[in-house]
Amino acid sequence: MLKIKHSILAFCSLALGLVLLNSCSKDSYTTKPQLKLKSVNSYLLHQRDNLNVSLEVTDKEGDIQGEMFIARSVKGYPQYDQTFTPFPISADIPSSSNFKAEVNICFTINSVEGNCPYYAGPVTPVGSDTTTFSFWIKDKAGNISDTLVLEQPIIIER
């Protein structure tokens, strides 16, 4: 009888451990795409500098072939706030469940001579602009991620 109680107790402990392990190991992928900031090359930029932002994108269904949105907000100059034309995400990206990828975004500040797409920074009456960038993504099914806002603004010096 004592042996059976120990066996049942051991089985219950093992079953509880597996349930806890399973619940702890569940992935954090959701139907709504998720964005996470990985890196920014600099928060102080000058004319013709590149702004490089690296984001991690995850999506439960992997239907990430939608659009990436980028917006800017210029401190003290709301007339320069802008949401850029959405960037289409290639349909060539393979769909897979629990999709995870790194997205690298690059702009050259106020110059067409850089090796990234041209970013026309606002021309304000001051010597530098304090600009906050926001990013969000819409997947193929129309699910929209939360907006990722760079907590530290980018200072663009003239």
C-alpha atoms as a PDB file:
ATOM      1  CA  MET A   1       0.000   0.000   0.000  1.00  0.00           C
ATOM      2  CA  LEU A   2       2.830   2.397   0.898  1.00  0.00           C
ATOM      3  CA  LYS A   3       4.536   1.582  -2.417  1.00  0.00           C
ATOM      4  CA  ILE A   4       1.343   2.428  -4.357  1.00  0.00           C
ATOM      5  CA  LYS A   5       0.980   5.787  -2.521  1.00  0.00           C
ATOM      6  CA  HIS A   6       4.590   6.688  -3.390  1.00  0.00           C
ATOM      7  CA  SER A   7       4.022   5.677  -7.009  1.00  0.00           C
ATOM      8  CA  ILE A   8       0.836   7.754  -7.235  1.00  0.00           C
ATOM      9  CA  LEU A   9       2.561  10.707  -5.542  1.00  0.00           C
ATOM     10  CA  ALA A  10       5.549  10.397  -7.897  1.00  0.00           C
ATOM     11  CA  PHE A  11       3.223  10.176 -10.934  1.00  0.00           C
ATOM     12  CA  CYS A  12       1.201  13.215  -9.767  1.00  0.00           C
ATOM     13  CA  SER A  13       4.405  15.180  -9.168  1.00  0.00           C
ATOM     14  CA  LEU A  14       5.737  14.215 -12.601  1.00  0.00           C
ATOM     15  CA  ALA A  15       2.404  15.101 -14.274  1.00  0.00           C
ATOM     16  CA  LEU A  16       2.292  18.462 -12.487  1.00  0.00           C
ATOM     17  CA  GLY A  17       5.913  19.115 -13.480  1.00  0.00           C
ATOM     18  CA  LEU A  18       5.156  18.366 -17.139  1.00  0.00           C
ATOM     19  CA  VAL A  19       2.088  20.631 -17.079  1.00  0.00           C
ATOM     20  CA  LEU A  20       4.161  23.446 -15.556  1.00  0.00           C
ATOM     21  CA  LEU A  21       6.987  22.827 -18.017  1.00  0.00           C
ATOM     22  CA  ASN A  22       4.542  22.856 -20.914  1.00  0.00           C
ATOM     23  CA  SER A  23       2.865  26.057 -19.744  1.00  0.00           C
ATOM     24  CA  CYS A  24       6.238  27.736 -19.207  1.00  0.00           C
ATOM     25  CA  SER A  25       7.549  26.704 -22.608  1.00  0.00           C
ATOM     26  CA  LYS A  26       4.593  27.999 -24.612  1.00  0.00           C
ATOM     27  CA  ASP A  27       5.785  30.415 -27.235  1.00  0.00           C
ATOM     28  CA  SER A  28       4.945  34.077 -27.044  1.00  0.00           C
ATOM     29  CA  TYR A  29       3.915  34.348 -30.679  1.00  0.00           C
ATOM     30  CA  THR A  30       0.513  35.924 -31.226  1.00  0.00           C
ATOM     31  CA  THR A  31      -1.867  36.357 -34.134  1.00  0.00           C
ATOM     32  CA  LYS A  32      -1.182  40.082 -33.950  1.00  0.00           C
ATOM     33  CA  PRO A  33       2.383  40.704 -35.202  1.00  0.00           C
ATOM     34  CA  GLN A  34       4.842  41.796 -32.514  1.00  0.00           C
ATOM     35  CA  LEU A  35       7.687  44.283 -32.928  1.00  0.00           C
ATOM     36  CA  LYS A  36      10.679  44.564 -30.622  1.00  0.00           C
ATOM     37  CA  LEU A  37      13.526  47.053 -30.912  1.00  0.00           C
ATOM     38  CA  LYS A  38      16.878  45.340 -31.323  1.00  0.00           C
ATOM     39  CA  SER A  39      19.160  48.302 -32.042  1.00  0.00           C
ATOM     40  CA  VAL A  40      19.569  51.859 -33.325  1.00  0.00           C
ATOM     41  CA  ASN A  41      22.945  52.894 -34.722  1.00  0.00           C
ATOM     42  CA  SER A  42      22.873  56.417 -33.249  1.00  0.00           C
ATOM     43  CA  TYR A  43      20.570  58.900 -31.577  1.00  0.00           C
ATOM     44  CA  LEU A  44      22.624  61.869 -32.817  1.00  0.00           C
ATOM     45  CA  LEU A  45      22.752  62.233 -36.588  1.00  0.00           C
ATOM     46  CA  HIS A  46      24.052  64.848 -39.020  1.00  0.00           C
ATOM     47  CA  GLN A  47      23.317  65.567 -42.658  1.00  0.00           C
ATOM     48  CA  ARG A  48      24.145  62.572 -44.902  1.00  0.00           C
ATOM     49  CA  ASP A  49      24.350  60.171 -41.910  1.00  0.00           C
ATOM     50  CA  ASN A  50      22.485  56.893 -42.040  1.00  0.00           C
ATOM     51  CA  LEU A  51      19.794  56.051 -39.510  1.00  0.00           C
ATOM     52  CA  ASN A  52      19.783  52.255 -39.050  1.00  0.00           C
ATOM     53  CA  VAL A  53      17.024  50.676 -36.972  1.00  0.00           C
ATOM     54  CA  SER A  54      16.851  46.933 -36.394  1.00  0.00           C
ATOM     55  CA  LEU A  55      13.554  45.377 -35.309  1.00  0.00           C
ATOM     56  CA  GLU A  56      12.542  41.839 -34.431  1.00  0.00           C
ATOM     57  CA  VAL A  57       9.221  40.754 -35.927  1.00  0.00           C
ATOM     58  CA  THR A  58       7.254  37.732 -34.716  1.00  0.00           C
ATOM     59  CA  ASP A  59       3.910  36.380 -35.883  1.00  0.00           C
ATOM     60  CA  LYS A  60       2.077  33.193 -34.930  1.00  0.00           C
ATOM     61  CA  GLU A  61       0.707  32.434 -38.405  1.00  0.00           C
ATOM     62  CA  GLY A  62       3.699  33.760 -40.321  1.00  0.00           C
ATOM     63  CA  ASP A  63       1.539  35.748 -42.732  1.00  0.00           C
ATOM     64  CA  ILE A  64       3.832  38.736 -42.423  1.00  0.00           C
ATOM     65  CA  GLN A  65       3.589  39.693 -46.118  1.00  0.00           C
ATOM     66  CA  GLY A  66       1.664  42.930 -45.512  1.00  0.00           C
ATOM     67  CA  GLU A  67       2.956  46.430 -44.920  1.00  0.00           C
ATOM     68  CA  MET A  68       5.430  48.214 -42.628  1.00  0.00           C
ATOM     69  CA  PHE A  69       4.469  51.690 -41.438  1.00  0.00           C
ATOM     70  CA  ILE A  70       6.852  54.374 -40.216  1.00  0.00           C
ATOM     71  CA  ALA A  71       5.874  57.736 -38.743  1.00  0.00           C
ATOM     72  CA  ARG A  72       7.826  60.656 -37.380  1.00  0.00           C
ATOM     73  CA  SER A  73       6.935  63.290 -34.842  1.00  0.00           C
ATOM     74  CA  VAL A  74       9.034  66.455 -34.612  1.00  0.00           C
ATOM     75  CA  LYS A  75       9.089  68.059 -31.163  1.00  0.00           C
ATOM     76  CA  GLY A  76       7.635  71.556 -31.251  1.00  0.00           C
ATOM     77  CA  TYR A  77       6.720  71.366 -34.936  1.00  0.00           C
ATOM     78  CA  PRO A  78       3.539  69.295 -35.413  1.00  0.00           C
ATOM     79  CA  GLN A  79       3.246  70.568 -38.995  1.00  0.00           C
ATOM     80  CA  TYR A  80       6.211  68.272 -39.804  1.00  0.00           C
ATOM     81  CA  ASP A  81       4.674  65.147 -38.270  1.00  0.00           C
ATOM     82  CA  GLN A  82       4.272  62.563 -40.991  1.00  0.00           C
ATOM     83  CA  THR A  83       3.293  58.964 -41.613  1.00  0.00           C
ATOM     84  CA  PHE A  84       5.269  57.719 -44.577  1.00  0.00           C
ATOM     85  CA  THR A  85       3.759  55.750 -47.435  1.00  0.00           C
ATOM     86  CA  PRO A  86       3.506  52.130 -46.223  1.00  0.00           C
ATOM     87  CA  PHE A  87       6.359  49.908 -47.319  1.00  0.00           C
ATOM     88  CA  PRO A  88       5.067  46.651 -48.828  1.00  0.00           C
ATOM     89  CA  ILE A  89       6.561  43.481 -47.395  1.00  0.00           C
ATOM     90  CA  SER A  90       7.535  41.074 -50.140  1.00  0.00           C
ATOM     91  CA  ALA A  91       5.203  38.186 -50.891  1.00  0.00           C
ATOM     92  CA  ASP A  92       8.387  36.171 -51.496  1.00  0.00           C
ATOM     93  CA  ILE A  93       8.989  35.876 -47.740  1.00  0.00           C
ATOM     94  CA  PRO A  94       8.033  32.300 -46.905  1.00  0.00           C
ATOM     95  CA  SER A  95       5.142  31.835 -44.484  1.00  0.00           C
ATOM     96  CA  SER A  96       5.747  29.584 -41.517  1.00  0.00           C
ATOM     97  CA  SER A  97       4.049  29.287 -38.176  1.00  0.00           C
ATOM     98  CA  ASN A  98       5.841  30.972 -35.282  1.00  0.00           C
ATOM     99  CA  PHE A  99       7.596  33.288 -37.729  1.00  0.00           C
ATOM    100  CA  LYS A 100      10.557  35.301 -36.428  1.00  0.00           C
ATOM    101  CA  ALA A 101      12.768  37.645 -38.428  1.00  0.00           C
ATOM    102  CA  GLU A 102      14.937  40.702 -38.128  1.00  0.00           C
ATOM    103  CA  VAL A 103      13.953  43.777 -40.124  1.00  0.00           C
ATOM    104  CA  ASN A 104      16.606  46.392 -40.859  1.00  0.00           C
ATOM    105  CA  ILE A 105      15.432  49.876 -41.756  1.00  0.00           C
ATOM    106  CA  CYS A 106      17.889  52.418 -43.131  1.00  0.00           C
ATOM    107  CA  PHE A 107      17.506  56.072 -44.167  1.00  0.00           C
ATOM    108  CA  THR A 108      20.116  58.594 -45.268  1.00  0.00           C
ATOM    109  CA  ILE A 109      19.386  61.947 -43.632  1.00  0.00           C
ATOM    110  CA  ASN A 110      18.719  64.794 -46.090  1.00  0.00           C
ATOM    111  CA  SER A 111      20.899  63.444 -48.872  1.00  0.00           C
ATOM    112  CA  VAL A 112      20.406  61.354 -51.966  1.00  0.00           C
ATOM    113  CA  GLU A 113      24.107  60.457 -51.892  1.00  0.00           C
ATOM    114  CA  GLY A 114      23.871  57.835 -49.152  1.00  0.00           C
ATOM    115  CA  ASN A 115      23.603  54.084 -49.562  1.00  0.00           C
ATOM    116  CA  CYS A 116      20.090  53.988 -48.062  1.00  0.00           C
ATOM    117  CA  PRO A 117      16.796  55.513 -49.211  1.00  0.00           C
ATOM    118  CA  TYR A 118      16.612  59.287 -48.858  1.00  0.00           C
ATOM    119  CA  TYR A 119      14.970  60.693 -45.713  1.00  0.00           C
ATOM    120  CA  ALA A 120      13.922  64.317 -46.100  1.00  0.00           C
ATOM    121  CA  GLY A 121      14.141  65.602 -42.585  1.00  0.00           C
ATOM    122  CA  PRO A 122      11.997  68.613 -41.771  1.00  0.00           C
ATOM    123  CA  VAL A 123      13.566  72.018 -42.242  1.00  0.00           C
ATOM    124  CA  THR A 124      12.771  73.816 -39.003  1.00  0.00           C
ATOM    125  CA  PRO A 125      14.021  77.243 -37.959  1.00  0.00           C
ATOM    126  CA  VAL A 126      16.322  75.765 -35.310  1.00  0.00           C
ATOM    127  CA  GLY A 127      19.753  74.167 -35.713  1.00  0.00           C
ATOM    128  CA  SER A 128      18.574  70.663 -34.878  1.00  0.00           C
ATOM    129  CA  ASP A 129      15.385  68.638 -34.906  1.00  0.00           C
ATOM    130  CA  THR A 130      14.242  66.289 -32.162  1.00  0.00           C
ATOM    131  CA  THR A 131      12.415  63.559 -34.023  1.00  0.00           C
ATOM    132  CA  THR A 132      10.679  60.504 -32.618  1.00  0.00           C
ATOM    133  CA  PHE A 133      10.087  57.563 -34.946  1.00  0.00           C
ATOM    134  CA  SER A 134       7.272  55.033 -34.629  1.00  0.00           C
ATOM    135  CA  PHE A 135       6.905  51.670 -36.378  1.00  0.00           C
ATOM    136  CA  TRP A 136       4.047  49.226 -36.839  1.00  0.00           C
ATOM    137  CA  ILE A 137       3.250  46.375 -39.157  1.00  0.00           C
ATOM    138  CA  LYS A 138       0.083  44.950 -40.724  1.00  0.00           C
ATOM    139  CA  ASP A 139       0.106  41.300 -41.757  1.00  0.00           C
ATOM    140  CA  LYS A 140      -1.664  39.728 -44.735  1.00  0.00           C
ATOM    141  CA  ALA A 141      -4.772  38.993 -42.630  1.00  0.00           C
ATOM    142  CA  GLY A 142      -5.001  42.656 -41.593  1.00  0.00           C
ATOM    143  CA  ASN A 143      -3.776  42.187 -38.008  1.00  0.00           C
ATOM    144  CA  ILE A 144      -1.899  45.281 -36.847  1.00  0.00           C
ATOM    145  CA  SER A 145       0.939  45.194 -34.340  1.00  0.00           C
ATOM    146  CA  ASP A 146       1.214  47.563 -31.417  1.00  0.00           C
ATOM    147  CA  THR A 147       3.136  50.707 -32.290  1.00  0.00           C
ATOM    148  CA  LEU A 148       6.800  50.598 -31.369  1.00  0.00           C
ATOM    149  CA  VAL A 149       8.025  54.091 -30.490  1.00  0.00           C
ATOM    150  CA  LEU A 150      11.717  54.818 -30.151  1.00  0.00           C
ATOM    151  CA  GLU A 151      11.830  55.964 -26.536  1.00  0.00           C
ATOM    152  CA  GLN A 152      14.873  58.140 -27.115  1.00  0.00           C
ATOM    153  CA  PRO A 153      14.331  60.707 -29.876  1.00  0.00           C
ATOM    154  CA  ILE A 154      16.736  61.092 -32.771  1.00  0.00           C
ATOM    155  CA  ILE A 155      18.506  64.443 -32.823  1.00  0.00           C
ATOM    156  CA  ILE A 156      19.195  65.587 -36.385  1.00  0.00           C
ATOM    157  CA  GLU A 157      21.771  68.373 -36.475  1.00  0.00           C
ATOM    158  CA  ARG A 158      22.126  70.668 -39.441  1.00  0.00           C
END
